[in-house]
């Protein structure tokens, strides 16, 4: 089975440099819509069996634009959502607040960093588990010859690349996912092969990060 794993196009939150998580449910900018059209054109001649998307607005919009060349019905799946930072989403600098919260919980409570939950939100493990659950389900649902498109988010895509073994857990968070960056994953008889990572040649920039 082949998976084209794609980050959503530029959103209003991206343009404003806001770490969006799940609670900031911004739409695409005009630039984001154009990016989605370009990745749609890139995949226009591919035989796609299904399109799955996070149910957050920026991902759904991207999936529906991609679908203009496929004539399928994109399927919403909450498991593909970006990380849920819970109450930290309301803080000024989300990632700094998250790192501070993890450090505090590790030092004061002796917790494994992967199991530290954001207040009313998720842990690293929670996010990993739902992405893994999605991938495992699609492996069993689809014929080995099928090709699917999955539209998600930078964080969720990085975790998928960790689950497949392309990056270690330490490396995956340091990797980069551009808006509409395309990752090409293949699964065959229990083995993942990653053929492209963060490819954006459809944007006129031939960039791929291994």
C-alpha atoms as a PDB file:
ATOM      1  CA  UNK A   1       0.000   0.000   0.000  1.00  0.00           C
ATOM      2  CA  UNK A   2       1.180   3.486  -0.837  1.00  0.00           C
ATOM      3  CA  UNK A   3       0.367   6.555   1.261  1.00  0.00           C
ATOM      4  CA  UNK A   4       0.804  10.128   0.146  1.00  0.00           C
ATOM      5  CA  UNK A   5       0.981  11.863   3.524  1.00  0.00           C
ATOM      6  CA  UNK A   6       0.518  15.616   3.069  1.00  0.00           C
ATOM      7  CA  UNK A   7       0.557  18.582   5.413  1.00  0.00           C
ATOM      8  CA  UNK A   8      -2.278  21.086   4.960  1.00  0.00           C
ATOM      9  CA  UNK A   9      -1.754  24.309   3.012  1.00  0.00           C
ATOM     10  CA  UNK A  10      -0.878  27.587   4.679  1.00  0.00           C
ATOM     11  CA  UNK A  11      -3.527  28.567   7.212  1.00  0.00           C
ATOM     12  CA  UNK A  12      -4.355  31.930   8.738  1.00  0.00           C
ATOM     13  CA  UNK A  13      -2.666  30.674  11.916  1.00  0.00           C
ATOM     14  CA  UNK A  14       0.512  29.790  10.009  1.00  0.00           C
ATOM     15  CA  UNK A  15       0.617  33.263   8.483  1.00  0.00           C
ATOM     16  CA  UNK A  16       0.235  34.822  11.942  1.00  0.00           C
ATOM     17  CA  UNK A  17       2.917  32.478  13.392  1.00  0.00           C
ATOM     18  CA  UNK A  18       0.424  30.945  15.806  1.00  0.00           C
ATOM     19  CA  UNK A  19       1.013  27.391  17.045  1.00  0.00           C
ATOM     20  CA  UNK A  20      -2.447  26.084  16.286  1.00  0.00           C
ATOM     21  CA  UNK A  21      -2.857  22.697  17.950  1.00  0.00           C
ATOM     22  CA  UNK A  22      -6.502  21.623  17.885  1.00  0.00           C
ATOM     23  CA  UNK A  23      -8.280  24.605  19.409  1.00  0.00           C
ATOM     24  CA  UNK A  24      -7.227  27.275  16.891  1.00  0.00           C
ATOM     25  CA  UNK A  25      -9.231  26.002  13.937  1.00  0.00           C
ATOM     26  CA  UNK A  26      -8.143  28.439  11.231  1.00  0.00           C
ATOM     27  CA  UNK A  27      -9.061  28.224   7.517  1.00  0.00           C
ATOM     28  CA  UNK A  28      -6.567  28.322   4.648  1.00  0.00           C
ATOM     29  CA  UNK A  29      -5.194  31.571   3.316  1.00  0.00           C
ATOM     30  CA  UNK A  30      -5.351  32.283  -0.424  1.00  0.00           C
ATOM     31  CA  UNK A  31      -1.725  31.140  -0.560  1.00  0.00           C
ATOM     32  CA  UNK A  32      -2.731  27.904   1.190  1.00  0.00           C
ATOM     33  CA  UNK A  33      -5.499  27.291  -1.338  1.00  0.00           C
ATOM     34  CA  UNK A  34      -3.023  27.779  -4.181  1.00  0.00           C
ATOM     35  CA  UNK A  35      -0.577  25.355  -2.553  1.00  0.00           C
ATOM     36  CA  UNK A  36      -3.336  22.754  -2.286  1.00  0.00           C
ATOM     37  CA  UNK A  37      -4.218  23.231  -5.964  1.00  0.00           C
ATOM     38  CA  UNK A  38      -0.595  22.648  -6.916  1.00  0.00           C
ATOM     39  CA  UNK A  39      -0.278  19.410  -4.941  1.00  0.00           C
ATOM     40  CA  UNK A  40      -3.635  18.349  -6.420  1.00  0.00           C
ATOM     41  CA  UNK A  41      -2.220  18.858  -9.913  1.00  0.00           C
ATOM     42  CA  UNK A  42       0.908  16.931  -8.956  1.00  0.00           C
ATOM     43  CA  UNK A  43      -1.188  13.891  -8.024  1.00  0.00           C
ATOM     44  CA  UNK A  44      -3.803  14.290 -10.793  1.00  0.00           C
ATOM     45  CA  UNK A  45      -2.597  11.264 -12.791  1.00  0.00           C
ATOM     46  CA  UNK A  46      -2.271   8.970  -9.785  1.00  0.00           C
ATOM     47  CA  UNK A  47      -4.919   6.301  -9.209  1.00  0.00           C
ATOM     48  CA  UNK A  48      -6.098   7.140  -5.704  1.00  0.00           C
ATOM     49  CA  UNK A  49      -8.380   4.711  -3.854  1.00  0.00           C
ATOM     50  CA  UNK A  50      -9.268   6.912  -0.869  1.00  0.00           C
ATOM     51  CA  UNK A  51      -8.582  10.294   0.715  1.00  0.00           C
ATOM     52  CA  UNK A  52      -8.455  10.651   4.505  1.00  0.00           C
ATOM     53  CA  UNK A  53      -8.174  13.945   6.328  1.00  0.00           C
ATOM     54  CA  UNK A  54      -8.006  15.442   9.780  1.00  0.00           C
ATOM     55  CA  UNK A  55     -11.352  17.033  10.574  1.00  0.00           C
ATOM     56  CA  UNK A  56      -9.738  20.386  11.415  1.00  0.00           C
ATOM     57  CA  UNK A  57     -10.652  23.081   8.922  1.00  0.00           C
ATOM     58  CA  UNK A  58      -7.206  23.722   7.429  1.00  0.00           C
ATOM     59  CA  UNK A  59      -6.765  20.035   6.624  1.00  0.00           C
ATOM     60  CA  UNK A  60     -10.333  19.490   5.361  1.00  0.00           C
ATOM     61  CA  UNK A  61     -10.048  22.432   2.978  1.00  0.00           C
ATOM     62  CA  UNK A  62      -6.756  21.074   1.647  1.00  0.00           C
ATOM     63  CA  UNK A  63      -8.237  17.594   1.153  1.00  0.00           C
ATOM     64  CA  UNK A  64     -11.270  18.913  -0.712  1.00  0.00           C
ATOM     65  CA  UNK A  65      -9.067  20.950  -3.058  1.00  0.00           C
ATOM     66  CA  UNK A  66      -6.857  17.911  -3.698  1.00  0.00           C
ATOM     67  CA  UNK A  67     -10.009  15.922  -4.384  1.00  0.00           C
ATOM     68  CA  UNK A  68     -10.980  18.196  -7.303  1.00  0.00           C
ATOM     69  CA  UNK A  69      -8.701  16.024  -9.453  1.00  0.00           C
ATOM     70  CA  UNK A  70      -9.851  12.704  -7.925  1.00  0.00           C
ATOM     71  CA  UNK A  71     -13.664  12.728  -7.637  1.00  0.00           C
ATOM     72  CA  UNK A  72     -13.716  10.885  -4.317  1.00  0.00           C
ATOM     73  CA  UNK A  73     -15.312  11.782  -0.977  1.00  0.00           C
ATOM     74  CA  UNK A  74     -12.642  12.762   1.586  1.00  0.00           C
ATOM     75  CA  UNK A  75     -13.160  10.902   4.856  1.00  0.00           C
ATOM     76  CA  UNK A  76     -12.738  12.884   8.077  1.00  0.00           C
ATOM     77  CA  UNK A  77     -10.774  11.169  10.839  1.00  0.00           C
ATOM     78  CA  UNK A  78     -10.203  12.808  14.234  1.00  0.00           C
ATOM     79  CA  UNK A  79      -7.155  10.623  14.842  1.00  0.00           C
ATOM     80  CA  UNK A  80      -5.244  12.681  12.275  1.00  0.00           C
ATOM     81  CA  UNK A  81      -5.667  15.906  14.223  1.00  0.00           C
ATOM     82  CA  UNK A  82      -2.723  17.961  15.404  1.00  0.00           C
ATOM     83  CA  UNK A  83      -1.589  17.523  18.992  1.00  0.00           C
ATOM     84  CA  UNK A  84      -4.104  18.649  21.644  1.00  0.00           C
ATOM     85  CA  UNK A  85      -2.263  21.058  23.930  1.00  0.00           C
ATOM     86  CA  UNK A  86      -5.351  21.597  26.070  1.00  0.00           C
ATOM     87  CA  UNK A  87      -5.223  24.650  28.309  1.00  0.00           C
ATOM     88  CA  UNK A  88      -1.706  25.507  27.109  1.00  0.00           C
ATOM     89  CA  UNK A  89      -3.212  26.496  23.762  1.00  0.00           C
ATOM     90  CA  UNK A  90      -4.318  29.756  25.400  1.00  0.00           C
ATOM     91  CA  UNK A  91      -0.776  30.698  26.422  1.00  0.00           C
ATOM     92  CA  UNK A  92       1.327  33.273  24.591  1.00  0.00           C
ATOM     93  CA  UNK A  93       4.123  30.947  23.460  1.00  0.00           C
ATOM     94  CA  UNK A  94       2.676  27.461  23.283  1.00  0.00           C
ATOM     95  CA  UNK A  95       5.864  25.472  22.699  1.00  0.00           C
ATOM     96  CA  UNK A  96       7.821  27.228  25.455  1.00  0.00           C
ATOM     97  CA  UNK A  97       4.901  26.671  27.847  1.00  0.00           C
ATOM     98  CA  UNK A  98       4.761  22.992  26.857  1.00  0.00           C
ATOM     99  CA  UNK A  99       8.491  22.433  27.413  1.00  0.00           C
ATOM    100  CA  UNK A 100       8.257  24.150  30.799  1.00  0.00           C
ATOM    101  CA  UNK A 101       5.255  22.010  31.776  1.00  0.00           C
ATOM    102  CA  UNK A 102       7.001  18.768  30.773  1.00  0.00           C
ATOM    103  CA  UNK A 103      10.152  19.711  32.700  1.00  0.00           C
ATOM    104  CA  UNK A 104       8.081  20.501  35.793  1.00  0.00           C
ATOM    105  CA  UNK A 105       6.151  17.216  35.669  1.00  0.00           C
ATOM    106  CA  UNK A 106       9.318  15.175  35.135  1.00  0.00           C
ATOM    107  CA  UNK A 107      11.178  16.875  37.983  1.00  0.00           C
ATOM    108  CA  UNK A 108       8.313  17.095  40.494  1.00  0.00           C
ATOM    109  CA  UNK A 109       6.281  13.978  39.687  1.00  0.00           C
ATOM    110  CA  UNK A 110       8.948  11.702  38.212  1.00  0.00           C
ATOM    111  CA  UNK A 111       6.878  11.120  35.073  1.00  0.00           C
ATOM    112  CA  UNK A 112       8.168   9.759  31.789  1.00  0.00           C
ATOM    113  CA  UNK A 113       8.304  12.797  29.442  1.00  0.00           C
ATOM    114  CA  UNK A 114       6.317  10.878  26.805  1.00  0.00           C
ATOM    115  CA  UNK A 115       3.455  10.390  29.260  1.00  0.00           C
ATOM    116  CA  UNK A 116       3.187  13.980  30.502  1.00  0.00           C
ATOM    117  CA  UNK A 117      -0.211  15.311  29.469  1.00  0.00           C
ATOM    118  CA  UNK A 118      -0.999  18.921  28.720  1.00  0.00           C
ATOM    119  CA  UNK A 119      -3.647  20.178  31.181  1.00  0.00           C
ATOM    120  CA  UNK A 120      -6.925  18.929  29.651  1.00  0.00           C
ATOM    121  CA  UNK A 121      -4.911  17.778  26.639  1.00  0.00           C
ATOM    122  CA  UNK A 122      -2.681  15.006  25.323  1.00  0.00           C
ATOM    123  CA  UNK A 123       0.717  13.493  25.964  1.00  0.00           C
ATOM    124  CA  UNK A 124       3.298  12.550  23.339  1.00  0.00           C
ATOM    125  CA  UNK A 125       2.169   8.954  23.818  1.00  0.00           C
ATOM    126  CA  UNK A 126      -1.501   9.830  23.257  1.00  0.00           C
ATOM    127  CA  UNK A 127      -0.662  11.508  19.954  1.00  0.00           C
ATOM    128  CA  UNK A 128       1.606   8.636  18.883  1.00  0.00           C
ATOM    129  CA  UNK A 129      -1.015   6.013  19.762  1.00  0.00           C
ATOM    130  CA  UNK A 130      -3.816   7.546  17.703  1.00  0.00           C
ATOM    131  CA  UNK A 131      -1.613   8.025  14.623  1.00  0.00           C
ATOM    132  CA  UNK A 132      -0.388   4.448  14.964  1.00  0.00           C
ATOM    133  CA  UNK A 133      -3.967   3.228  15.353  1.00  0.00           C
ATOM    134  CA  UNK A 134      -4.927   5.023  12.134  1.00  0.00           C
ATOM    135  CA  UNK A 135      -2.019   3.557  10.156  1.00  0.00           C
ATOM    136  CA  UNK A 136      -2.585   0.032  11.464  1.00  0.00           C
ATOM    137  CA  UNK A 137      -6.263   0.245  10.533  1.00  0.00           C
ATOM    138  CA  UNK A 138      -5.563   1.384   6.970  1.00  0.00           C
ATOM    139  CA  UNK A 139      -3.025  -1.397   6.478  1.00  0.00           C
ATOM    140  CA  UNK A 140      -5.744  -3.947   7.243  1.00  0.00           C
ATOM    141  CA  UNK A 141      -8.554  -2.127   5.393  1.00  0.00           C
ATOM    142  CA  UNK A 142      -6.803  -1.541   2.081  1.00  0.00           C
ATOM    143  CA  UNK A 143      -5.535  -3.924  -0.563  1.00  0.00           C
ATOM    144  CA  UNK A 144      -1.718  -3.969  -0.844  1.00  0.00           C
ATOM    145  CA  UNK A 145      -2.008  -2.410  -4.321  1.00  0.00           C
ATOM    146  CA  UNK A 146      -4.065   0.546  -3.098  1.00  0.00           C
ATOM    147  CA  UNK A 147      -2.827   4.138  -2.962  1.00  0.00           C
ATOM    148  CA  UNK A 148      -4.338   6.573  -0.471  1.00  0.00           C
ATOM    149  CA  UNK A 149      -3.918  10.252   0.327  1.00  0.00           C
ATOM    150  CA  UNK A 150      -3.754  11.356   3.955  1.00  0.00           C
ATOM    151  CA  UNK A 151      -3.968  15.065   4.803  1.00  0.00           C
ATOM    152  CA  UNK A 152      -2.838  15.942   8.302  1.00  0.00           C
ATOM    153  CA  UNK A 153      -0.564  18.322  10.221  1.00  0.00           C
ATOM    154  CA  UNK A 154       3.125  18.898  10.817  1.00  0.00           C
ATOM    155  CA  UNK A 155       3.147  17.199  14.221  1.00  0.00           C
ATOM    156  CA  UNK A 156       1.028  14.241  13.151  1.00  0.00           C
ATOM    157  CA  UNK A 157       3.121  13.730  10.012  1.00  0.00           C
ATOM    158  CA  UNK A 158       6.341  13.777  12.018  1.00  0.00           C
ATOM    159  CA  UNK A 159       4.942  11.092  14.307  1.00  0.00           C
ATOM    160  CA  UNK A 160       3.932   8.977  11.304  1.00  0.00           C
ATOM    161  CA  UNK A 161       7.537   9.156  10.075  1.00  0.00           C
ATOM    162  CA  UNK A 162       8.643   8.034  13.541  1.00  0.00           C
ATOM    163  CA  UNK A 163       6.175   5.137  13.597  1.00  0.00           C
ATOM    164  CA  UNK A 164       7.449   3.915  10.228  1.00  0.00           C
ATOM    165  CA  UNK A 165      11.004   3.960  11.569  1.00  0.00           C
ATOM    166  CA  UNK A 166      12.299   6.646   9.218  1.00  0.00           C
ATOM    167  CA  UNK A 167      13.184   8.885  12.169  1.00  0.00           C
ATOM    168  CA  UNK A 168      13.874   8.102  15.806  1.00  0.00           C
ATOM    169  CA  UNK A 169      11.548   9.675  18.373  1.00  0.00           C
ATOM    170  CA  UNK A 170      14.221  12.283  19.045  1.00  0.00           C
ATOM    171  CA  UNK A 171      14.798  13.028  15.357  1.00  0.00           C
ATOM    172  CA  UNK A 172      11.165  13.125  14.231  1.00  0.00           C
ATOM    173  CA  UNK A 173      10.281  16.283  16.170  1.00  0.00           C
ATOM    174  CA  UNK A 174      13.332  18.059  14.724  1.00  0.00           C
ATOM    175  CA  UNK A 175      12.324  17.216  11.154  1.00  0.00           C
ATOM    176  CA  UNK A 176      10.447  19.763   9.057  1.00  0.00           C
ATOM    177  CA  UNK A 177       7.105  19.650   7.267  1.00  0.00           C
ATOM    178  CA  UNK A 178       6.308  22.516   4.896  1.00  0.00           C
ATOM    179  CA  UNK A 179       2.761  23.488   3.966  1.00  0.00           C
ATOM    180  CA  UNK A 180       1.616  20.817   1.429  1.00  0.00           C
ATOM    181  CA  UNK A 181       4.936  19.024   1.895  1.00  0.00           C
ATOM    182  CA  UNK A 182       4.433  15.512   0.492  1.00  0.00           C
ATOM    183  CA  UNK A 183       5.727  12.341   2.134  1.00  0.00           C
ATOM    184  CA  UNK A 184       5.541   9.083   0.181  1.00  0.00           C
ATOM    185  CA  UNK A 185       5.253   5.959   2.340  1.00  0.00           C
ATOM    186  CA  UNK A 186       5.010   2.357   1.162  1.00  0.00           C
ATOM    187  CA  UNK A 187       3.993  -0.620   3.292  1.00  0.00           C
ATOM    188  CA  UNK A 188       4.723  -4.143   2.067  1.00  0.00           C
ATOM    189  CA  UNK A 189       4.544  -7.351   4.090  1.00  0.00           C
ATOM    190  CA  UNK A 190       5.295  -5.751   7.443  1.00  0.00           C
ATOM    191  CA  UNK A 191       7.946  -3.309   6.239  1.00  0.00           C
ATOM    192  CA  UNK A 192       7.726   0.441   5.713  1.00  0.00           C
ATOM    193  CA  UNK A 193       9.755   2.160   3.000  1.00  0.00           C
ATOM    194  CA  UNK A 194       9.903   5.957   2.851  1.00  0.00           C
ATOM    195  CA  UNK A 195      10.468   7.208  -0.697  1.00  0.00           C
ATOM    196  CA  UNK A 196       9.985  10.965  -0.235  1.00  0.00           C
ATOM    197  CA  UNK A 197       9.968  13.291   2.770  1.00  0.00           C
ATOM    198  CA  UNK A 198       8.672  16.872   2.713  1.00  0.00           C
ATOM    199  CA  UNK A 199       8.819  17.067  -1.084  1.00  0.00           C
ATOM    200  CA  UNK A 200       7.607  20.440  -2.374  1.00  0.00           C
ATOM    201  CA  UNK A 201       8.632  20.361  -6.027  1.00  0.00           C
ATOM    202  CA  UNK A 202       4.990  21.162  -6.894  1.00  0.00           C
ATOM    203  CA  UNK A 203       5.596  24.586  -5.320  1.00  0.00           C
ATOM    204  CA  UNK A 204       8.538  25.212  -7.600  1.00  0.00           C
ATOM    205  CA  UNK A 205      11.021  24.342  -4.873  1.00  0.00           C
ATOM    206  CA  UNK A 206      12.725  20.984  -5.223  1.00  0.00           C
ATOM    207  CA  UNK A 207      13.245  20.301  -1.532  1.00  0.00           C
ATOM    208  CA  UNK A 208      13.293  16.951   0.211  1.00  0.00           C
ATOM    209  CA  UNK A 209      14.497  16.376   3.766  1.00  0.00           C
ATOM    210  CA  UNK A 210      15.648  12.890   4.789  1.00  0.00           C
END
